[in-house]
Amino acid sequence: MFIGQWSSSARLDGKTVIITGANTGIGKETTRDLAKRGARIIMACRDLEKAEKAHKEVMEDSGNQNIMIRKLDLSDTKSIREFAEVINNEERALHILINNAGIMMCPYSKTADGFEMQFGVNHLGHFLLTFLLIDLLKRSAPSRIITLSSMAHGWGTIALDDINSERNYHSRRAYGQSKLANILFTRSLAKKLKDTGVTAYAVHPGIVRTELKRHMNLGLLIMWKVVRPFTKTPVQGAQTTIYCAVQPELDKESGGYYSNCRPSRCTRAARDDEMAEKLWELSCKMLGIVWE
């Protein structure tokens, strides 16, 4: 269950990186590492106050002043479109997009557009963001898209007939559905981006001590205290994301699922390409976009 820090001297000088949820946990540690490698980083964050604190900390620690904050609320497609418009207008290149932000096992609620919150933020928000930035990524190739999933993808199924969990909501299953969607999205994305120079990876960071546990009920919190000594720190949890962003040999790979800095096996449901295509079509319909 444990790994240390992945060791690589690879540099990212001249590379531009966007990291969603970069102000805390895995996102902040990913930002810190890539900043030390010389990347130009755009921290895409909802909470600007937390982002400012993380921004100052990372700049002081890394010595990299080429880090900026941009407002992004993945629970609101208007915010996503505004963010992407700024990026497309201001940035000449985008080499790495890290879809890191997420919400876990929250009480039932909906996004600004009426999507179940976990599916809306974890999957649809990043789906739309990637769609809006894909041309910039293609122009910047070789480039990479990394989406954080979880071993929790095994908790859920894709309920095409009740994707917003309106008939039956269970926070754990809804979280599992969103994390399963992340892997299926990555598989489809890799196929659609074949021969473009843009590659895609899904990542399980491990069981990590982050703020994601804030919505756990009492029973799960008690269980968490038992397993906590065997969990990863945010630094350890960030290593597979960093690996997928930096490892040169991965330019030849796309569509895979990674854990502990190596390819990992996901569930059969996460390898269902027919369901992946149905999810893609449904996601486009829900977002009102055409993405062939």
C-alpha atoms as a PDB file:
ATOM      1  CA  MET A   1       0.000   0.000   0.000  1.00  0.00           C
ATOM      2  CA  PHE A   2       2.961   2.291   0.401  1.00  0.00           C
ATOM      3  CA  ILE A   3       5.334   3.867  -2.069  1.00  0.00           C
ATOM      4  CA  GLY A   4       7.849   6.612  -1.553  1.00  0.00           C
ATOM      5  CA  GLN A   5       8.476   9.497  -3.864  1.00  0.00           C
ATOM      6  CA  TRP A   6       8.934   8.607  -7.510  1.00  0.00           C
ATOM      7  CA  SER A   7      12.457   9.498  -8.517  1.00  0.00           C
ATOM      8  CA  SER A   8      13.109  11.253 -11.805  1.00  0.00           C
ATOM      9  CA  SER A   9      15.277  14.179 -12.819  1.00  0.00           C
ATOM     10  CA  ALA A  10      13.048  15.003 -15.820  1.00  0.00           C
ATOM     11  CA  ARG A  11      12.479  18.718 -16.350  1.00  0.00           C
ATOM     12  CA  LEU A  12       9.384  20.524 -17.615  1.00  0.00           C
ATOM     13  CA  ASP A  13      10.958  23.831 -18.579  1.00  0.00           C
ATOM     14  CA  GLY A  14       8.881  25.529 -21.265  1.00  0.00           C
ATOM     15  CA  LYS A  15       5.865  23.332 -20.546  1.00  0.00           C
ATOM     16  CA  THR A  16       2.466  24.689 -19.463  1.00  0.00           C
ATOM     17  CA  VAL A  17       0.374  22.643 -17.038  1.00  0.00           C
ATOM     18  CA  ILE A  18      -3.196  23.071 -15.778  1.00  0.00           C
ATOM     19  CA  ILE A  19      -4.101  21.337 -12.513  1.00  0.00           C
ATOM     20  CA  THR A  20      -7.683  21.416 -11.222  1.00  0.00           C
ATOM     21  CA  GLY A  21      -8.080  21.421  -7.454  1.00  0.00           C
ATOM     22  CA  ALA A  22      -4.467  22.547  -7.100  1.00  0.00           C
ATOM     23  CA  ASN A  23      -4.902  24.289  -3.762  1.00  0.00           C
ATOM     24  CA  THR A  24      -5.010  21.266  -1.469  1.00  0.00           C
ATOM     25  CA  GLY A  25      -4.068  17.599  -1.022  1.00  0.00           C
ATOM     26  CA  ILE A  26      -2.844  15.667  -4.036  1.00  0.00           C
ATOM     27  CA  GLY A  27      -3.365  18.653  -6.320  1.00  0.00           C
ATOM     28  CA  LYS A  28      -1.141  20.922  -4.241  1.00  0.00           C
ATOM     29  CA  GLU A  29       1.623  18.314  -3.983  1.00  0.00           C
ATOM     30  CA  THR A  30       1.454  17.718  -7.737  1.00  0.00           C
ATOM     31  CA  THR A  31       1.737  21.469  -8.267  1.00  0.00           C
ATOM     32  CA  ARG A  32       4.733  21.629  -5.940  1.00  0.00           C
ATOM     33  CA  ASP A  33       6.587  18.809  -7.705  1.00  0.00           C
ATOM     34  CA  LEU A  34       5.950  20.032 -11.251  1.00  0.00           C
ATOM     35  CA  ALA A  35       6.865  23.585 -10.222  1.00  0.00           C
ATOM     36  CA  LYS A  36      10.242  22.312  -9.020  1.00  0.00           C
ATOM     37  CA  ARG A  37      10.705  20.775 -12.482  1.00  0.00           C
ATOM     38  CA  GLY A  38      10.337  24.202 -14.064  1.00  0.00           C
ATOM     39  CA  ALA A  39       6.804  23.963 -15.436  1.00  0.00           C
ATOM     40  CA  ARG A  40       4.576  26.974 -15.911  1.00  0.00           C
ATOM     41  CA  ILE A  41       1.518  26.071 -13.842  1.00  0.00           C
ATOM     42  CA  ILE A  42      -2.062  27.310 -13.882  1.00  0.00           C
ATOM     43  CA  MET A  43      -3.820  26.429 -10.627  1.00  0.00           C
ATOM     44  CA  ALA A  44      -7.501  25.997 -11.492  1.00  0.00           C
ATOM     45  CA  CYS A  45      -9.353  26.417  -8.210  1.00  0.00           C
ATOM     46  CA  ARG A  46     -12.823  27.142  -6.854  1.00  0.00           C
ATOM     47  CA  ASP A  47     -11.721  28.514  -3.462  1.00  0.00           C
ATOM     48  CA  LEU A  48      -9.479  31.475  -4.286  1.00  0.00           C
ATOM     49  CA  GLU A  49      -8.578  32.163  -0.650  1.00  0.00           C
ATOM     50  CA  LYS A  50      -7.163  28.656  -0.208  1.00  0.00           C
ATOM     51  CA  ALA A  51      -5.563  28.921  -3.638  1.00  0.00           C
ATOM     52  CA  GLU A  52      -3.691  32.107  -2.660  1.00  0.00           C
ATOM     53  CA  LYS A  53      -2.228  30.410   0.416  1.00  0.00           C
ATOM     54  CA  ALA A  54      -1.164  27.337  -1.580  1.00  0.00           C
ATOM     55  CA  HIS A  55       0.202  29.562  -4.360  1.00  0.00           C
ATOM     56  CA  LYS A  56       2.438  31.459  -1.943  1.00  0.00           C
ATOM     57  CA  GLU A  57       3.627  28.244  -0.280  1.00  0.00           C
ATOM     58  CA  VAL A  58       4.463  26.492  -3.552  1.00  0.00           C
ATOM     59  CA  MET A  59       6.283  29.501  -5.005  1.00  0.00           C
ATOM     60  CA  GLU A  60       8.421  29.870  -1.890  1.00  0.00           C
ATOM     61  CA  ASP A  61       9.189  26.153  -1.744  1.00  0.00           C
ATOM     62  CA  SER A  62       9.904  25.645  -5.446  1.00  0.00           C
ATOM     63  CA  GLY A  63      11.525  28.961  -6.284  1.00  0.00           C
ATOM     64  CA  ASN A  64       9.294  28.991  -9.373  1.00  0.00           C
ATOM     65  CA  GLN A  65       7.484  32.305  -9.844  1.00  0.00           C
ATOM     66  CA  ASN A  66       5.743  31.178 -13.027  1.00  0.00           C
ATOM     67  CA  ILE A  67       2.612  29.933 -11.266  1.00  0.00           C
ATOM     68  CA  MET A  68      -0.794  31.565 -11.550  1.00  0.00           C
ATOM     69  CA  ILE A  69      -4.298  31.080 -10.215  1.00  0.00           C
ATOM     70  CA  ARG A  70      -7.457  30.989 -12.295  1.00  0.00           C
ATOM     71  CA  LYS A  71     -11.004  30.638 -10.969  1.00  0.00           C
ATOM     72  CA  LEU A  72     -12.718  27.357 -11.898  1.00  0.00           C
ATOM     73  CA  ASP A  73     -15.885  25.892 -10.410  1.00  0.00           C
ATOM     74  CA  LEU A  74     -16.451  22.447 -11.888  1.00  0.00           C
ATOM     75  CA  SER A  75     -20.017  22.362 -10.554  1.00  0.00           C
ATOM     76  CA  ASP A  76     -21.014  25.160 -12.953  1.00  0.00           C
ATOM     77  CA  THR A  77     -20.616  24.820 -16.730  1.00  0.00           C
ATOM     78  CA  LYS A  78     -20.688  28.628 -17.058  1.00  0.00           C
ATOM     79  CA  SER A  79     -17.555  28.839 -14.903  1.00  0.00           C
ATOM     80  CA  ILE A  80     -15.903  26.042 -16.911  1.00  0.00           C
ATOM     81  CA  ARG A  81     -16.606  27.805 -20.188  1.00  0.00           C
ATOM     82  CA  GLU A  82     -15.337  31.132 -18.839  1.00  0.00           C
ATOM     83  CA  PHE A  83     -12.146  29.493 -17.590  1.00  0.00           C
ATOM     84  CA  ALA A  84     -11.535  27.746 -20.918  1.00  0.00           C
ATOM     85  CA  GLU A  85     -12.165  30.947 -22.844  1.00  0.00           C
ATOM     86  CA  VAL A  86      -9.477  32.743 -20.820  1.00  0.00           C
ATOM     87  CA  ILE A  87      -7.013  29.888 -21.334  1.00  0.00           C
ATOM     88  CA  ASN A  88      -7.660  29.657 -25.073  1.00  0.00           C
ATOM     89  CA  ASN A  89      -7.274  33.423 -25.463  1.00  0.00           C
ATOM     90  CA  GLU A  90      -4.197  33.849 -23.265  1.00  0.00           C
ATOM     91  CA  GLU A  91      -2.171  30.668 -23.642  1.00  0.00           C
ATOM     92  CA  ARG A  92      -0.095  29.744 -26.665  1.00  0.00           C
ATOM     93  CA  ALA A  93       0.271  26.134 -25.547  1.00  0.00           C
ATOM     94  CA  LEU A  94      -0.997  23.550 -23.067  1.00  0.00           C
ATOM     95  CA  HIS A  95       1.168  20.468 -22.604  1.00  0.00           C
ATOM     96  CA  ILE A  96      -0.374  18.761 -19.576  1.00  0.00           C
ATOM     97  CA  LEU A  97      -3.966  18.858 -18.303  1.00  0.00           C
ATOM     98  CA  ILE A  98      -4.439  17.225 -14.906  1.00  0.00           C
ATOM     99  CA  ASN A  99      -8.111  16.608 -14.038  1.00  0.00           C
ATOM    100  CA  ASN A 100      -7.470  16.286 -10.316  1.00  0.00           C
ATOM    101  CA  ALA A 101     -10.327  18.010  -8.469  1.00  0.00           C
ATOM    102  CA  GLY A 102     -13.121  15.953  -7.009  1.00  0.00           C
ATOM    103  CA  ILE A 103     -15.816  15.540  -4.419  1.00  0.00           C
ATOM    104  CA  MET A 104     -16.460  12.354  -2.459  1.00  0.00           C
ATOM    105  CA  MET A 105     -19.571  10.825  -0.896  1.00  0.00           C
ATOM    106  CA  CYS A 106     -21.389  14.084  -0.267  1.00  0.00           C
ATOM    107  CA  PRO A 107     -25.081  14.328   0.692  1.00  0.00           C
ATOM    108  CA  TYR A 108     -27.384  14.468  -2.316  1.00  0.00           C
ATOM    109  CA  SER A 109     -27.200  17.780  -4.121  1.00  0.00           C
ATOM    110  CA  LYS A 110     -27.097  19.094  -7.668  1.00  0.00           C
ATOM    111  CA  THR A 111     -24.736  21.259  -9.660  1.00  0.00           C
ATOM    112  CA  ALA A 112     -25.743  24.633 -11.084  1.00  0.00           C
ATOM    113  CA  ASP A 113     -26.883  22.764 -14.222  1.00  0.00           C
ATOM    114  CA  GLY A 114     -28.935  20.148 -12.393  1.00  0.00           C
ATOM    115  CA  PHE A 115     -26.470  17.231 -12.457  1.00  0.00           C
ATOM    116  CA  GLU A 116     -25.949  14.995  -9.418  1.00  0.00           C
ATOM    117  CA  MET A 117     -23.005  16.657  -7.689  1.00  0.00           C
ATOM    118  CA  GLN A 118     -20.435  13.830  -7.744  1.00  0.00           C
ATOM    119  CA  PHE A 119     -21.121  12.814 -11.350  1.00  0.00           C
ATOM    120  CA  GLY A 120     -21.359  16.466 -12.349  1.00  0.00           C
ATOM    121  CA  VAL A 121     -18.055  17.565 -10.811  1.00  0.00           C
ATOM    122  CA  ASN A 122     -15.918  14.437 -11.047  1.00  0.00           C
ATOM    123  CA  HIS A 123     -16.928  13.397 -14.559  1.00  0.00           C
ATOM    124  CA  LEU A 124     -18.998  15.947 -16.491  1.00  0.00           C
ATOM    125  CA  GLY A 125     -17.029  18.973 -15.301  1.00  0.00           C
ATOM    126  CA  HIS A 126     -13.732  17.476 -16.432  1.00  0.00           C
ATOM    127  CA  PHE A 127     -15.308  16.078 -19.614  1.00  0.00           C
ATOM    128  CA  LEU A 128     -16.419  19.582 -20.628  1.00  0.00           C
ATOM    129  CA  LEU A 129     -13.128  21.179 -19.581  1.00  0.00           C
ATOM    130  CA  THR A 130     -11.149  18.685 -21.668  1.00  0.00           C
ATOM    131  CA  PHE A 131     -13.457  19.213 -24.647  1.00  0.00           C
ATOM    132  CA  LEU A 132     -12.992  22.986 -24.495  1.00  0.00           C
ATOM    133  CA  LEU A 133      -9.188  22.704 -24.283  1.00  0.00           C
ATOM    134  CA  ILE A 134      -8.652  19.803 -26.685  1.00  0.00           C
ATOM    135  CA  ASP A 135      -7.700  21.924 -29.701  1.00  0.00           C
ATOM    136  CA  LEU A 136      -5.049  23.737 -27.676  1.00  0.00           C
ATOM    137  CA  LEU A 137      -3.726  20.391 -26.438  1.00  0.00           C
ATOM    138  CA  LYS A 138      -3.571  19.085 -30.008  1.00  0.00           C
ATOM    139  CA  ARG A 139      -1.676  22.158 -31.189  1.00  0.00           C
ATOM    140  CA  SER A 140       0.777  21.665 -28.311  1.00  0.00           C
ATOM    141  CA  ALA A 141       1.437  17.954 -28.937  1.00  0.00           C
ATOM    142  CA  PRO A 142       3.032  15.920 -27.574  1.00  0.00           C
ATOM    143  CA  SER A 143       0.668  16.604 -24.698  1.00  0.00           C
ATOM    144  CA  ARG A 144      -1.037  14.614 -21.960  1.00  0.00           C
ATOM    145  CA  ILE A 145      -4.374  14.423 -20.156  1.00  0.00           C
ATOM    146  CA  ILE A 146      -4.368  12.817 -16.718  1.00  0.00           C
ATOM    147  CA  THR A 147      -7.646  12.141 -14.914  1.00  0.00           C
ATOM    148  CA  LEU A 148      -7.775  11.037 -11.295  1.00  0.00           C
ATOM    149  CA  SER A 149     -10.019   8.051 -10.738  1.00  0.00           C
ATOM    150  CA  SER A 150      -9.934   5.633  -7.796  1.00  0.00           C
ATOM    151  CA  MET A 151     -10.122   1.998  -6.811  1.00  0.00           C
ATOM    152  CA  ALA A 152     -13.613   3.080  -5.728  1.00  0.00           C
ATOM    153  CA  HIS A 153     -14.649   2.737  -9.377  1.00  0.00           C
ATOM    154  CA  GLY A 154     -15.487  -0.822  -8.356  1.00  0.00           C
ATOM    155  CA  TRP A 155     -18.245   0.483  -6.045  1.00  0.00           C
ATOM    156  CA  GLY A 156     -20.447   1.748  -8.842  1.00  0.00           C
ATOM    157  CA  THR A 157     -22.051   1.062 -12.188  1.00  0.00           C
ATOM    158  CA  ILE A 158     -23.081   3.470 -14.936  1.00  0.00           C
ATOM    159  CA  ALA A 159     -26.832   3.912 -14.459  1.00  0.00           C
ATOM    160  CA  LEU A 160     -27.711   5.226 -17.912  1.00  0.00           C
ATOM    161  CA  ASP A 161     -31.411   5.391 -17.022  1.00  0.00           C
ATOM    162  CA  ASP A 162     -30.811   7.261 -13.733  1.00  0.00           C
ATOM    163  CA  ILE A 163     -27.455   8.954 -14.222  1.00  0.00           C
ATOM    164  CA  ASN A 164     -28.317  11.746 -11.756  1.00  0.00           C
ATOM    165  CA  SER A 165     -29.387   9.251  -9.062  1.00  0.00           C
ATOM    166  CA  GLU A 166     -32.795  10.904  -8.788  1.00  0.00           C
ATOM    167  CA  ARG A 167     -34.678   7.659  -8.133  1.00  0.00           C
ATOM    168  CA  ASN A 168     -32.112   6.101  -5.834  1.00  0.00           C
ATOM    169  CA  TYR A 169     -29.170   7.929  -4.242  1.00  0.00           C
ATOM    170  CA  HIS A 170     -26.425   6.237  -2.286  1.00  0.00           C
ATOM    171  CA  SER A 171     -23.384   8.459  -1.769  1.00  0.00           C
ATOM    172  CA  ARG A 172     -20.851   5.623  -2.016  1.00  0.00           C
ATOM    173  CA  ARG A 173     -22.362   4.150  -5.195  1.00  0.00           C
ATOM    174  CA  ALA A 174     -22.672   7.594  -6.771  1.00  0.00           C
ATOM    175  CA  TYR A 175     -19.006   8.255  -6.038  1.00  0.00           C
ATOM    176  CA  GLY A 176     -18.135   4.885  -7.552  1.00  0.00           C
ATOM    177  CA  GLN A 177     -20.159   5.723 -10.666  1.00  0.00           C
ATOM    178  CA  SER A 178     -18.241   8.991 -11.111  1.00  0.00           C
ATOM    179  CA  LYS A 179     -14.861   7.287 -10.704  1.00  0.00           C
ATOM    180  CA  LEU A 180     -15.863   4.513 -13.126  1.00  0.00           C
ATOM    181  CA  ALA A 181     -16.866   7.238 -15.572  1.00  0.00           C
ATOM    182  CA  ASN A 182     -13.363   8.738 -15.265  1.00  0.00           C
ATOM    183  CA  ILE A 183     -11.769   5.510 -16.497  1.00  0.00           C
ATOM    184  CA  LEU A 184     -14.280   4.941 -19.292  1.00  0.00           C
ATOM    185  CA  PHE A 185     -13.773   8.562 -20.397  1.00  0.00           C
ATOM    186  CA  THR A 186     -10.007   8.007 -20.528  1.00  0.00           C
ATOM    187  CA  ARG A 187     -10.399   4.838 -22.614  1.00  0.00           C
ATOM    188  CA  SER A 188     -12.656   6.553 -25.144  1.00  0.00           C
ATOM    189  CA  LEU A 189     -10.502   9.672 -25.179  1.00  0.00           C
ATOM    190  CA  ALA A 190      -7.389   7.667 -26.020  1.00  0.00           C
ATOM    191  CA  LYS A 191      -9.127   6.055 -29.006  1.00  0.00           C
ATOM    192  CA  LYS A 192     -10.454   9.345 -30.322  1.00  0.00           C
ATOM    193  CA  LEU A 193      -7.038  10.998 -29.951  1.00  0.00           C
ATOM    194  CA  LYS A 194      -5.077   8.249 -31.691  1.00  0.00           C
ATOM    195  CA  ASP A 195      -2.264   9.647 -33.874  1.00  0.00           C
ATOM    196  CA  THR A 196      -2.798  13.221 -32.597  1.00  0.00           C
ATOM    197  CA  GLY A 197       0.151  13.218 -30.188  1.00  0.00           C
ATOM    198  CA  VAL A 198      -2.218  13.713 -27.242  1.00  0.00           C
ATOM    199  CA  THR A 199      -2.260  10.820 -24.772  1.00  0.00           C
ATOM    200  CA  ALA A 200      -4.594  10.078 -21.842  1.00  0.00           C
ATOM    201  CA  TYR A 201      -4.170   8.275 -18.519  1.00  0.00           C
ATOM    202  CA  ALA A 202      -6.442   7.412 -15.579  1.00  0.00           C
ATOM    203  CA  VAL A 203      -4.877   7.292 -12.122  1.00  0.00           C
ATOM    204  CA  HIS A 204      -5.692   5.665  -8.790  1.00  0.00           C
ATOM    205  CA  PRO A 205      -3.666   7.665  -6.238  1.00  0.00           C
ATOM    206  CA  GLY A 206      -4.187   5.226  -3.389  1.00  0.00           C
ATOM    207  CA  ILE A 207      -6.019   5.752  -0.110  1.00  0.00           C
ATOM    208  CA  VAL A 208      -4.781   9.216   0.740  1.00  0.00           C
ATOM    209  CA  ARG A 209      -5.157  11.500   3.764  1.00  0.00           C
ATOM    210  CA  THR A 210      -6.939  14.431   2.116  1.00  0.00           C
ATOM    211  CA  GLU A 211      -9.995  16.636   2.690  1.00  0.00           C
ATOM    212  CA  LEU A 212     -12.106  14.295   0.526  1.00  0.00           C
ATOM    213  CA  LYS A 213     -13.129  12.381   3.651  1.00  0.00           C
ATOM    214  CA  ARG A 214     -15.027  15.407   5.030  1.00  0.00           C
ATOM    215  CA  HIS A 215     -18.420  13.986   3.973  1.00  0.00           C
ATOM    216  CA  MET A 216     -17.916  10.508   5.470  1.00  0.00           C
ATOM    217  CA  ASN A 217     -20.556   9.316   7.943  1.00  0.00           C
ATOM    218  CA  LEU A 218     -19.673   8.241  11.493  1.00  0.00           C
ATOM    219  CA  GLY A 219     -19.225   4.573  10.604  1.00  0.00           C
ATOM    220  CA  LEU A 220     -16.814   5.344   7.784  1.00  0.00           C
ATOM    221  CA  LEU A 221     -14.910   7.848   9.921  1.00  0.00           C
ATOM    222  CA  ILE A 222     -14.396   5.166  12.586  1.00  0.00           C
ATOM    223  CA  MET A 223     -13.171   2.789   9.873  1.00  0.00           C
ATOM    224  CA  TRP A 224     -10.907   5.560   8.574  1.00  0.00           C
ATOM    225  CA  LYS A 225      -9.231   5.897  11.992  1.00  0.00           C
ATOM    226  CA  VAL A 226      -8.468   2.165  11.903  1.00  0.00           C
ATOM    227  CA  VAL A 227      -6.921   2.175   8.426  1.00  0.00           C
ATOM    228  CA  ARG A 228      -5.295   5.614   8.650  1.00  0.00           C
ATOM    229  CA  PRO A 229      -1.843   4.267   9.642  1.00  0.00           C
ATOM    230  CA  PHE A 230      -1.832   2.312   6.359  1.00  0.00           C
ATOM    231  CA  THR A 231      -2.853   5.221   4.110  1.00  0.00           C
ATOM    232  CA  LYS A 232      -0.707   7.511   1.990  1.00  0.00           C
ATOM    233  CA  THR A 233       0.298  11.087   2.618  1.00  0.00           C
ATOM    234  CA  PRO A 234      -0.705  13.610  -0.072  1.00  0.00           C
ATOM    235  CA  VAL A 235       2.933  13.588  -1.269  1.00  0.00           C
ATOM    236  CA  GLN A 236       2.814   9.813  -1.736  1.00  0.00           C
ATOM    237  CA  GLY A 237      -0.651  10.043  -3.271  1.00  0.00           C
ATOM    238  CA  ALA A 238       0.586  12.508  -5.896  1.00  0.00           C
ATOM    239  CA  GLN A 239       3.346  10.244  -7.202  1.00  0.00           C
ATOM    240  CA  THR A 240       1.366   8.332  -9.839  1.00  0.00           C
ATOM    241  CA  THR A 241      -0.053  11.570 -11.237  1.00  0.00           C
ATOM    242  CA  ILE A 242       3.480  12.976 -11.433  1.00  0.00           C
ATOM    243  CA  TYR A 243       4.689   9.751 -13.060  1.00  0.00           C
ATOM    244  CA  CYS A 244       1.998   9.957 -15.752  1.00  0.00           C
ATOM    245  CA  ALA A 245       2.790  13.627 -16.346  1.00  0.00           C
ATOM    246  CA  VAL A 246       6.559  13.247 -16.574  1.00  0.00           C
ATOM    247  CA  GLN A 247       7.676   9.718 -17.519  1.00  0.00           C
ATOM    248  CA  PRO A 248       9.038   9.979 -21.109  1.00  0.00           C
ATOM    249  CA  GLU A 249       8.220   6.378 -22.079  1.00  0.00           C
ATOM    250  CA  LEU A 250       4.489   6.996 -21.548  1.00  0.00           C
ATOM    251  CA  ASP A 251       4.385   9.014 -24.776  1.00  0.00           C
ATOM    252  CA  LYS A 252       3.906   5.634 -26.452  1.00  0.00           C
ATOM    253  CA  GLU A 253       1.008   4.597 -24.168  1.00  0.00           C
ATOM    254  CA  SER A 254      -2.543   5.909 -23.906  1.00  0.00           C
ATOM    255  CA  GLY A 255      -5.856   4.946 -22.327  1.00  0.00           C
ATOM    256  CA  GLY A 256      -4.415   2.984 -19.418  1.00  0.00           C
ATOM    257  CA  TYR A 257      -5.164   2.884 -15.700  1.00  0.00           C
ATOM    258  CA  TYR A 258      -2.210   3.455 -13.350  1.00  0.00           C
ATOM    259  CA  SER A 259      -1.507   2.973  -9.658  1.00  0.00           C
ATOM    260  CA  ASN A 260       1.738   3.070  -7.673  1.00  0.00           C
ATOM    261  CA  CYS A 261       3.582   4.439 -10.717  1.00  0.00           C
ATOM    262  CA  ARG A 262       2.844   1.480 -12.959  1.00  0.00           C
ATOM    263  CA  PRO A 263      -0.025   0.060 -15.028  1.00  0.00           C
ATOM    264  CA  SER A 264      -2.749  -1.454 -12.885  1.00  0.00           C
ATOM    265  CA  ARG A 265      -5.795  -3.629 -13.492  1.00  0.00           C
ATOM    266  CA  CYS A 266      -9.235  -2.086 -13.286  1.00  0.00           C
ATOM    267  CA  THR A 267     -12.565  -3.885 -13.054  1.00  0.00           C
ATOM    268  CA  ARG A 268     -14.275  -5.536 -16.017  1.00  0.00           C
ATOM    269  CA  ALA A 269     -16.876  -2.743 -15.998  1.00  0.00           C
ATOM    270  CA  ALA A 270     -14.057  -0.224 -16.448  1.00  0.00           C
ATOM    271  CA  ARG A 271     -12.908  -2.088 -19.582  1.00  0.00           C
ATOM    272  CA  ASP A 272     -16.364  -2.110 -21.215  1.00  0.00           C
ATOM    273  CA  ASP A 273     -15.843  -0.160 -24.431  1.00  0.00           C
ATOM    274  CA  GLU A 274     -19.507  -0.411 -25.420  1.00  0.00           C
ATOM    275  CA  MET A 275     -20.538   1.261 -22.163  1.00  0.00           C
ATOM    276  CA  ALA A 276     -17.721   3.783 -22.598  1.00  0.00           C
ATOM    277  CA  GLU A 277     -19.208   4.852 -25.925  1.00  0.00           C
ATOM    278  CA  LYS A 278     -22.728   5.086 -24.481  1.00  0.00           C
ATOM    279  CA  LEU A 279     -21.390   7.191 -21.603  1.00  0.00           C
ATOM    280  CA  TRP A 280     -19.580   9.452 -24.079  1.00  0.00           C
ATOM    281  CA  GLU A 281     -22.775  10.015 -26.075  1.00  0.00           C
ATOM    282  CA  LEU A 282     -24.813  10.657 -22.924  1.00  0.00           C
ATOM    283  CA  SER A 283     -22.211  13.069 -21.556  1.00  0.00           C
ATOM    284  CA  CYS A 284     -22.249  15.071 -24.795  1.00  0.00           C
ATOM    285  CA  LYS A 285     -26.058  15.175 -24.732  1.00  0.00           C
ATOM    286  CA  MET A 286     -26.163  16.339 -21.103  1.00  0.00           C
ATOM    287  CA  LEU A 287     -23.607  19.069 -21.807  1.00  0.00           C
ATOM    288  CA  GLY A 288     -25.105  20.107 -25.134  1.00  0.00           C
ATOM    289  CA  ILE A 289     -21.911  19.553 -27.110  1.00  0.00           C
ATOM    290  CA  VAL A 290     -20.865  17.602 -30.202  1.00  0.00           C
ATOM    291  CA  TRP A 291     -17.570  15.731 -29.765  1.00  0.00           C
ATOM    292  CA  GLU A 292     -16.985  13.077 -32.400  1.00  0.00           C
END
